[in-house]
Amino acid sequence: MLARCFQSLWRGSEHVLTEIRIKKGEPVDRALRRLKKKIDREGSLKVVRNHRHFEKPSEKRRRKEKAARFSATLSTRYADQ
């Protein structure tokens, strides 16, 4: 039995779909959990949420700089270990 669950996402001109195959005798809630984990690992949901509204280039630059500062702080914190 093949069941498909799709999370659609536009990347350029191609349409990307996330698909899972339900195993024989597998409960639907377990398959849904696997789908959610797969979508989370791919980052599809994050991309969709980021495209809900327009982000000005200055806001995008500030967000990226903030993330870079945070990762630099973490790397210096754990560099001694």
PDB file of N, CA and C in Angstrom:
ATOM      1  N   MET A   1       0.852  -1.182   0.000  1.00  0.00           N
ATOM      2  CA  MET A   1       0.000   0.000   0.000  1.00  0.00           C
ATOM      3  C   MET A   1       0.889   1.234   0.000  1.00  0.00           C
ATOM      4  N   LEU A   2       0.606   2.139  -0.876  1.00  0.00           N
ATOM      5  CA  LEU A   2       1.393   3.350  -0.987  1.00  0.00           C
ATOM      6  C   LEU A   2       0.491   4.543  -0.711  1.00  0.00           C
ATOM      7  N   ALA A   3       0.837   5.284   0.291  1.00  0.00           N
ATOM      8  CA  ALA A   3       0.081   6.503   0.583  1.00  0.00           C
ATOM      9  C   ALA A   3       1.060   7.664   0.536  1.00  0.00           C
ATOM     10  N   ARG A   4       0.613   8.756   0.005  1.00  0.00           N
ATOM     11  CA  ARG A   4       1.505   9.902  -0.134  1.00  0.00           C
ATOM     12  C   ARG A   4       0.983  11.061   0.688  1.00  0.00           C
ATOM     13  N   CYS A   5       1.899  11.704   1.371  1.00  0.00           N
ATOM     14  CA  CYS A   5       1.610  12.937   2.078  1.00  0.00           C
ATOM     15  C   CYS A   5       2.555  13.976   1.503  1.00  0.00           C
ATOM     16  N   PHE A   6       2.038  15.100   1.107  1.00  0.00           N
ATOM     17  CA  PHE A   6       2.849  16.075   0.402  1.00  0.00           C
ATOM     18  C   PHE A   6       2.934  17.383   1.162  1.00  0.00           C
ATOM     19  N   GLN A   7       4.100  17.964   1.129  1.00  0.00           N
ATOM     20  CA  GLN A   7       4.319  19.326   1.581  1.00  0.00           C
ATOM     21  C   GLN A   7       4.874  20.047   0.366  1.00  0.00           C
ATOM     22  N   SER A   8       4.069  20.882  -0.240  1.00  0.00           N
ATOM     23  CA  SER A   8       4.521  21.513  -1.468  1.00  0.00           C
ATOM     24  C   SER A   8       5.291  22.782  -1.158  1.00  0.00           C
ATOM     25  N   LEU A   9       6.223  23.067  -2.044  1.00  0.00           N
ATOM     26  CA  LEU A   9       7.117  24.190  -1.842  1.00  0.00           C
ATOM     27  C   LEU A   9       7.659  24.600  -3.196  1.00  0.00           C
ATOM     28  N   TRP A  10       7.674  25.885  -3.476  1.00  0.00           N
ATOM     29  CA  TRP A  10       8.211  26.369  -4.739  1.00  0.00           C
ATOM     30  C   TRP A  10       9.655  26.772  -4.542  1.00  0.00           C
ATOM     31  N   ARG A  11      10.536  26.227  -5.345  1.00  0.00           N
ATOM     32  CA  ARG A  11      11.938  26.642  -5.379  1.00  0.00           C
ATOM     33  C   ARG A  11      12.252  26.990  -6.820  1.00  0.00           C
ATOM     34  N   GLY A  12      12.311  28.270  -7.108  1.00  0.00           N
ATOM     35  CA  GLY A  12      12.516  28.679  -8.485  1.00  0.00           C
ATOM     36  C   GLY A  12      11.309  28.298  -9.304  1.00  0.00           C
ATOM     37  N   SER A  13      11.511  27.484 -10.322  1.00  0.00           N
ATOM     38  CA  SER A  13      10.394  27.075 -11.158  1.00  0.00           C
ATOM     39  C   SER A  13      10.000  25.625 -10.903  1.00  0.00           C
ATOM     40  N   GLU A  14      10.722  24.937 -10.038  1.00  0.00           N
ATOM     41  CA  GLU A  14      10.399  23.536  -9.789  1.00  0.00           C
ATOM     42  C   GLU A  14       9.507  23.399  -8.563  1.00  0.00           C
ATOM     43  N   HIS A  15       8.713  22.390  -8.549  1.00  0.00           N
ATOM     44  CA  HIS A  15       7.774  22.123  -7.461  1.00  0.00           C
ATOM     45  C   HIS A  15       8.293  20.906  -6.703  1.00  0.00           C
ATOM     46  N   VAL A  16       8.689  21.091  -5.447  1.00  0.00           N
ATOM     47  CA  VAL A  16       9.296  20.029  -4.653  1.00  0.00           C
ATOM     48  C   VAL A  16       8.242  19.432  -3.735  1.00  0.00           C
ATOM     49  N   LEU A  17       8.170  18.103  -3.688  1.00  0.00           N
ATOM     50  CA  LEU A  17       7.202  17.415  -2.847  1.00  0.00           C
ATOM     51  C   LEU A  17       7.924  16.501  -1.865  1.00  0.00           C
ATOM     52  N   THR A  18       7.454  16.478  -0.639  1.00  0.00           N
ATOM     53  CA  THR A  18       7.974  15.566   0.364  1.00  0.00           C
ATOM     54  C   THR A  18       7.042  14.363   0.420  1.00  0.00           C
ATOM     55  N   GLU A  19       7.624  13.184   0.366  1.00  0.00           N
ATOM     56  CA  GLU A  19       6.819  11.975   0.288  1.00  0.00           C
ATOM     57  C   GLU A  19       7.318  10.951   1.298  1.00  0.00           C
ATOM     58  N   ILE A  20       6.386  10.260   1.929  1.00  0.00           N
ATOM     59  CA  ILE A  20       6.728   9.118   2.777  1.00  0.00           C
ATOM     60  C   ILE A  20       5.886   7.937   2.323  1.00  0.00           C
ATOM     61  N   ARG A  21       6.381   6.759   2.561  1.00  0.00           N
ATOM     62  CA  ARG A  21       5.631   5.554   2.233  1.00  0.00           C
ATOM     63  C   ARG A  21       5.173   4.908   3.545  1.00  0.00           C
ATOM     64  N   ILE A  22       3.887   4.622   3.616  1.00  0.00           N
ATOM     65  CA  ILE A  22       3.336   3.990   4.807  1.00  0.00           C
ATOM     66  C   ILE A  22       3.587   2.489   4.708  1.00  0.00           C
ATOM     67  N   LYS A  23       4.208   1.958   5.731  1.00  0.00           N
ATOM     68  CA  LYS A  23       4.522   0.532   5.760  1.00  0.00           C
ATOM     69  C   LYS A  23       3.269  -0.271   6.083  1.00  0.00           C
ATOM     70  N   LYS A  24       3.270  -1.508   5.691  1.00  0.00           N
ATOM     71  CA  LYS A  24       2.106  -2.357   5.912  1.00  0.00           C
ATOM     72  C   LYS A  24       1.867  -2.531   7.417  1.00  0.00           C
ATOM     73  N   GLY A  25       0.666  -2.232   7.862  1.00  0.00           N
ATOM     74  CA  GLY A  25       0.310  -2.375   9.266  1.00  0.00           C
ATOM     75  C   GLY A  25       0.777  -1.226  10.147  1.00  0.00           C
ATOM     76  N   GLU A  26       1.347  -0.162   9.555  1.00  0.00           N
ATOM     77  CA  GLU A  26       1.845   0.959  10.345  1.00  0.00           C
ATOM     78  C   GLU A  26       0.692   1.901  10.688  1.00  0.00           C
ATOM     79  N   PRO A  27       0.592   2.319  11.938  1.00  0.00           N
ATOM     80  CA  PRO A  27      -0.459   3.270  12.312  1.00  0.00           C
ATOM     81  C   PRO A  27      -0.252   4.619  11.611  1.00  0.00           C
ATOM     82  N   VAL A  28      -1.340   5.292  11.330  1.00  0.00           N
ATOM     83  CA  VAL A  28      -1.290   6.566  10.623  1.00  0.00           C
ATOM     84  C   VAL A  28      -0.576   7.628  11.459  1.00  0.00           C
ATOM     85  N   ASP A  29      -0.778   7.612  12.774  1.00  0.00           N
ATOM     86  CA  ASP A  29      -0.130   8.625  13.614  1.00  0.00           C
ATOM     87  C   ASP A  29       1.384   8.488  13.593  1.00  0.00           C
ATOM     88  N   ARG A  30       1.892   7.275  13.502  1.00  0.00           N
ATOM     89  CA  ARG A  30       3.342   7.072  13.419  1.00  0.00           C
ATOM     90  C   ARG A  30       3.882   7.573  12.069  1.00  0.00           C
ATOM     91  N   ALA A  31       3.118   7.316  10.996  1.00  0.00           N
ATOM     92  CA  ALA A  31       3.527   7.795   9.670  1.00  0.00           C
ATOM     93  C   ALA A  31       3.497   9.320   9.621  1.00  0.00           C
ATOM     94  N   LEU A  32       2.502   9.921  10.255  1.00  0.00           N
ATOM     95  CA  LEU A  32       2.422  11.373  10.304  1.00  0.00           C
ATOM     96  C   LEU A  32       3.594  11.954  11.075  1.00  0.00           C
ATOM     97  N   ARG A  33       3.997  11.290  12.151  1.00  0.00           N
ATOM     98  CA  ARG A  33       5.152  11.719  12.930  1.00  0.00           C
ATOM     99  C   ARG A  33       6.423  11.664  12.079  1.00  0.00           C
ATOM    100  N   ARG A  34       6.563  10.583  11.284  1.00  0.00           N
ATOM    101  CA  ARG A  34       7.721  10.473  10.392  1.00  0.00           C
ATOM    102  C   ARG A  34       7.723  11.585   9.350  1.00  0.00           C
ATOM    103  N   LEU A  35       6.528  11.918   8.817  1.00  0.00           N
ATOM    104  CA  LEU A  35       6.421  12.997   7.839  1.00  0.00           C
ATOM    105  C   LEU A  35       6.837  14.332   8.451  1.00  0.00           C
ATOM    106  N   LYS A  36       6.370  14.602   9.652  1.00  0.00           N
ATOM    107  CA  LYS A  36       6.716  15.856  10.316  1.00  0.00           C
ATOM    108  C   LYS A  36       8.217  15.959  10.563  1.00  0.00           C
ATOM    109  N   LYS A  37       8.840  14.860  10.980  1.00  0.00           N
ATOM    110  CA  LYS A  37      10.291  14.865  11.204  1.00  0.00           C
ATOM    111  C   LYS A  37      11.043  15.108   9.904  1.00  0.00           C
ATOM    112  N   LYS A  38      10.581  14.489   8.827  1.00  0.00           N
ATOM    113  CA  LYS A  38      11.239  14.649   7.534  1.00  0.00           C
ATOM    114  C   LYS A  38      11.133  16.090   7.040  1.00  0.00           C
ATOM    115  N   ILE A  39       9.956  16.687   7.173  1.00  0.00           N
ATOM    116  CA  ILE A  39       9.760  18.081   6.768  1.00  0.00           C
ATOM    117  C   ILE A  39      10.633  18.998   7.609  1.00  0.00           C
ATOM    118  N   ASP A  40      10.753  18.704   8.894  1.00  0.00           N
ATOM    119  CA  ASP A  40      11.576  19.511   9.780  1.00  0.00           C
ATOM    120  C   ASP A  40      13.046  19.415   9.403  1.00  0.00           C
ATOM    121  N   ARG A  41      13.521  18.193   9.092  1.00  0.00           N
ATOM    122  CA  ARG A  41      14.920  18.012   8.699  1.00  0.00           C
ATOM    123  C   ARG A  41      15.236  18.723   7.385  1.00  0.00           C
ATOM    124  N   GLU A  42      14.288  18.718   6.453  1.00  0.00           N
ATOM    125  CA  GLU A  42      14.515  19.364   5.162  1.00  0.00           C
ATOM    126  C   GLU A  42      14.478  20.886   5.273  1.00  0.00           C
ATOM    127  N   GLY A  43      13.826  21.397   6.286  1.00  0.00           N
ATOM    128  CA  GLY A  43      13.718  22.843   6.447  1.00  0.00           C
ATOM    129  C   GLY A  43      12.618  23.452   5.599  1.00  0.00           C
ATOM    130  N   SER A  44      11.726  22.638   5.070  1.00  0.00           N
ATOM    131  CA  SER A  44      10.661  23.121   4.197  1.00  0.00           C
ATOM    132  C   SER A  44       9.730  24.083   4.922  1.00  0.00           C
ATOM    133  N   LEU A  45       9.360  23.740   6.119  1.00  0.00           N
ATOM    134  CA  LEU A  45       8.420  24.562   6.872  1.00  0.00           C
ATOM    135  C   LEU A  45       9.018  25.924   7.201  1.00  0.00           C
ATOM    136  N   LYS A  46      10.304  25.962   7.504  1.00  0.00           N
ATOM    137  CA  LYS A  46      10.969  27.221   7.806  1.00  0.00           C
ATOM    138  C   LYS A  46      10.951  28.144   6.588  1.00  0.00           C
ATOM    139  N   VAL A  47      11.180  27.583   5.409  1.00  0.00           N
ATOM    140  CA  VAL A  47      11.167  28.369   4.175  1.00  0.00           C
ATOM    141  C   VAL A  47       9.779  28.927   3.912  1.00  0.00           C
ATOM    142  N   VAL A  48       8.760  28.103   4.105  1.00  0.00           N
ATOM    143  CA  VAL A  48       7.386  28.552   3.887  1.00  0.00           C
ATOM    144  C   VAL A  48       7.036  29.674   4.856  1.00  0.00           C
ATOM    145  N   ARG A  49       7.417  29.534   6.098  1.00  0.00           N
ATOM    146  CA  ARG A  49       7.116  30.576   7.091  1.00  0.00           C
ATOM    147  C   ARG A  49       7.859  31.868   6.782  1.00  0.00           C
ATOM    148  N   ASN A  50       9.091  31.757   6.278  1.00  0.00           N
ATOM    149  CA  ASN A  50       9.850  32.959   5.944  1.00  0.00           C
ATOM    150  C   ASN A  50       9.261  33.695   4.751  1.00  0.00           C
ATOM    151  N   HIS A  51       8.555  32.990   3.869  1.00  0.00           N
ATOM    152  CA  HIS A  51       7.981  33.625   2.693  1.00  0.00           C
ATOM    153  C   HIS A  51       6.542  34.107   2.911  1.00  0.00           C
ATOM    154  N   ARG A  52       6.061  34.064   4.132  1.00  0.00           N
ATOM    155  CA  ARG A  52       4.699  34.536   4.403  1.00  0.00           C
ATOM    156  C   ARG A  52       4.581  36.041   4.195  1.00  0.00           C
ATOM    157  N   HIS A  53       5.642  36.764   4.478  1.00  0.00           N
ATOM    158  CA  HIS A  53       5.624  38.211   4.289  1.00  0.00           C
ATOM    159  C   HIS A  53       6.962  38.640   3.714  1.00  0.00           C
ATOM    160  N   PHE A  54       6.969  39.813   3.109  1.00  0.00           N
ATOM    161  CA  PHE A  54       8.188  40.323   2.500  1.00  0.00           C
ATOM    162  C   PHE A  54       9.154  40.781   3.583  1.00  0.00           C
ATOM    163  N   GLU A  55      10.399  40.422   3.410  1.00  0.00           N
ATOM    164  CA  GLU A  55      11.437  40.847   4.342  1.00  0.00           C
ATOM    165  C   GLU A  55      12.367  41.799   3.611  1.00  0.00           C
ATOM    166  N   LYS A  56      12.503  43.002   4.148  1.00  0.00           N
ATOM    167  CA  LYS A  56      13.365  43.987   3.501  1.00  0.00           C
ATOM    168  C   LYS A  56      14.804  43.488   3.526  1.00  0.00           C
ATOM    169  N   PRO A  57      15.604  43.880   2.545  1.00  0.00           N
ATOM    170  CA  PRO A  57      17.011  43.458   2.524  1.00  0.00           C
ATOM    171  C   PRO A  57      17.773  43.860   3.780  1.00  0.00           C
ATOM    172  N   SER A  58      17.450  45.011   4.352  1.00  0.00           N
ATOM    173  CA  SER A  58      18.134  45.428   5.576  1.00  0.00           C
ATOM    174  C   SER A  58      17.765  44.516   6.745  1.00  0.00           C
ATOM    175  N   GLU A  59      16.497  44.091   6.805  1.00  0.00           N
ATOM    176  CA  GLU A  59      16.074  43.170   7.860  1.00  0.00           C
ATOM    177  C   GLU A  59      16.747  41.813   7.691  1.00  0.00           C
ATOM    178  N   LYS A  60      16.865  41.368   6.447  1.00  0.00           N
ATOM    179  CA  LYS A  60      17.510  40.095   6.167  1.00  0.00           C
ATOM    180  C   LYS A  60      18.986  40.145   6.583  1.00  0.00           C
ATOM    181  N   ARG A  61      19.647  41.271   6.272  1.00  0.00           N
ATOM    182  CA  ARG A  61      21.054  41.438   6.639  1.00  0.00           C
ATOM    183  C   ARG A  61      21.218  41.426   8.156  1.00  0.00           C
ATOM    184  N   ARG A  62      20.333  42.151   8.873  1.00  0.00           N
ATOM    185  CA  ARG A  62      20.401  42.183  10.338  1.00  0.00           C
ATOM    186  C   ARG A  62      20.189  40.797  10.944  1.00  0.00           C
ATOM    187  N   ARG A  63      19.227  40.057  10.391  1.00  0.00           N
ATOM    188  CA  ARG A  63      18.951  38.713  10.901  1.00  0.00           C
ATOM    189  C   ARG A  63      20.153  37.794  10.703  1.00  0.00           C
ATOM    190  N   LYS A  64      20.780  37.880   9.525  1.00  0.00           N
ATOM    191  CA  LYS A  64      21.948  37.035   9.259  1.00  0.00           C
ATOM    192  C   LYS A  64      23.130  37.427  10.138  1.00  0.00           C
ATOM    193  N   GLU A  65      23.320  38.738  10.363  1.00  0.00           N
ATOM    194  CA  GLU A  65      24.406  39.187  11.240  1.00  0.00           C
ATOM    195  C   GLU A  65      24.184  38.715  12.675  1.00  0.00           C
ATOM    196  N   LYS A  66      22.930  38.755  13.122  1.00  0.00           N
ATOM    197  CA  LYS A  66      22.613  38.303  14.478  1.00  0.00           C
ATOM    198  C   LYS A  66      22.901  36.812  14.626  1.00  0.00           C
ATOM    199  N   ALA A  67      22.532  36.022  13.619  1.00  0.00           N
ATOM    200  CA  ALA A  67      22.806  34.584  13.659  1.00  0.00           C
ATOM    201  C   ALA A  67      24.310  34.319  13.636  1.00  0.00           C
ATOM    202  N   ALA A  68      25.053  35.107  12.873  1.00  0.00           N
ATOM    203  CA  ALA A  68      26.504  34.939  12.816  1.00  0.00           C
ATOM    204  C   ALA A  68      27.146  35.278  14.162  1.00  0.00           C
ATOM    205  N   ARG A  69      26.664  36.339  14.809  1.00  0.00           N
ATOM    206  CA  ARG A  69      27.195  36.694  16.137  1.00  0.00           C
ATOM    207  C   ARG A  69      26.922  35.592  17.144  1.00  0.00           C
ATOM    208  N   PHE A  70      25.719  35.027  17.092  1.00  0.00           N
ATOM    209  CA  PHE A  70      25.344  33.961  18.018  1.00  0.00           C
ATOM    210  C   PHE A  70      26.226  32.728  17.811  1.00  0.00           C
ATOM    211  N   SER A  71      26.436  32.332  16.566  1.00  0.00           N
ATOM    212  CA  SER A  71      27.260  31.152  16.311  1.00  0.00           C
ATOM    213  C   SER A  71      28.721  31.420  16.679  1.00  0.00           C
ATOM    214  N   ALA A  72      29.189  32.657  16.487  1.00  0.00           N
ATOM    215  CA  ALA A  72      30.553  32.997  16.882  1.00  0.00           C
ATOM    216  C   ALA A  72      30.700  32.930  18.400  1.00  0.00           C
ATOM    217  N   THR A  73      29.685  33.377  19.119  1.00  0.00           N
ATOM    218  CA  THR A  73      29.701  33.316  20.581  1.00  0.00           C
ATOM    219  C   THR A  73      29.756  31.858  21.042  1.00  0.00           C
ATOM    220  N   LEU A  74      28.965  31.005  20.426  1.00  0.00           N
ATOM    221  CA  LEU A  74      28.970  29.598  20.797  1.00  0.00           C
ATOM    222  C   LEU A  74      30.308  28.947  20.492  1.00  0.00           C
ATOM    223  N   SER A  75      30.885  29.280  19.345  1.00  0.00           N
ATOM    224  CA  SER A  75      32.160  28.670  18.980  1.00  0.00           C
ATOM    225  C   SER A  75      33.284  29.106  19.920  1.00  0.00           C
ATOM    226  N   THR A  76      33.266  30.369  20.346  1.00  0.00           N
ATOM    227  CA  THR A  76      34.301  30.810  21.290  1.00  0.00           C
ATOM    228  C   THR A  76      34.061  30.216  22.678  1.00  0.00           C
ATOM    229  N   ARG A  77      32.817  30.037  23.057  1.00  0.00           N
ATOM    230  CA  ARG A  77      32.493  29.477  24.363  1.00  0.00           C
ATOM    231  C   ARG A  77      32.965  28.040  24.487  1.00  0.00           C
ATOM    232  N   TYR A  78      32.786  27.272  23.418  1.00  0.00           N
ATOM    233  CA  TYR A  78      33.122  25.853  23.481  1.00  0.00           C
ATOM    234  C   TYR A  78      34.464  25.512  22.826  1.00  0.00           C
ATOM    235  N   ALA A  79      35.243  26.517  22.473  1.00  0.00           N
ATOM    236  CA  ALA A  79      36.538  26.288  21.851  1.00  0.00           C
ATOM    237  C   ALA A  79      37.559  25.774  22.872  1.00  0.00           C
ATOM    238  N   ASP A  80      37.398  26.145  24.139  1.00  0.00           N
ATOM    239  CA  ASP A  80      38.352  25.757  25.179  1.00  0.00           C
ATOM    240  C   ASP A  80      38.251  24.283  25.542  1.00  0.00           C
ATOM    241  N   GLN A  81      37.136  23.674  25.296  1.00  0.00           N
ATOM    242  CA  GLN A  81      36.921  22.286  25.732  1.00  0.00           C
ATOM    243  C   GLN A  81      37.566  21.294  24.842  1.00  0.00           C
TER     244      GLN A  81
END
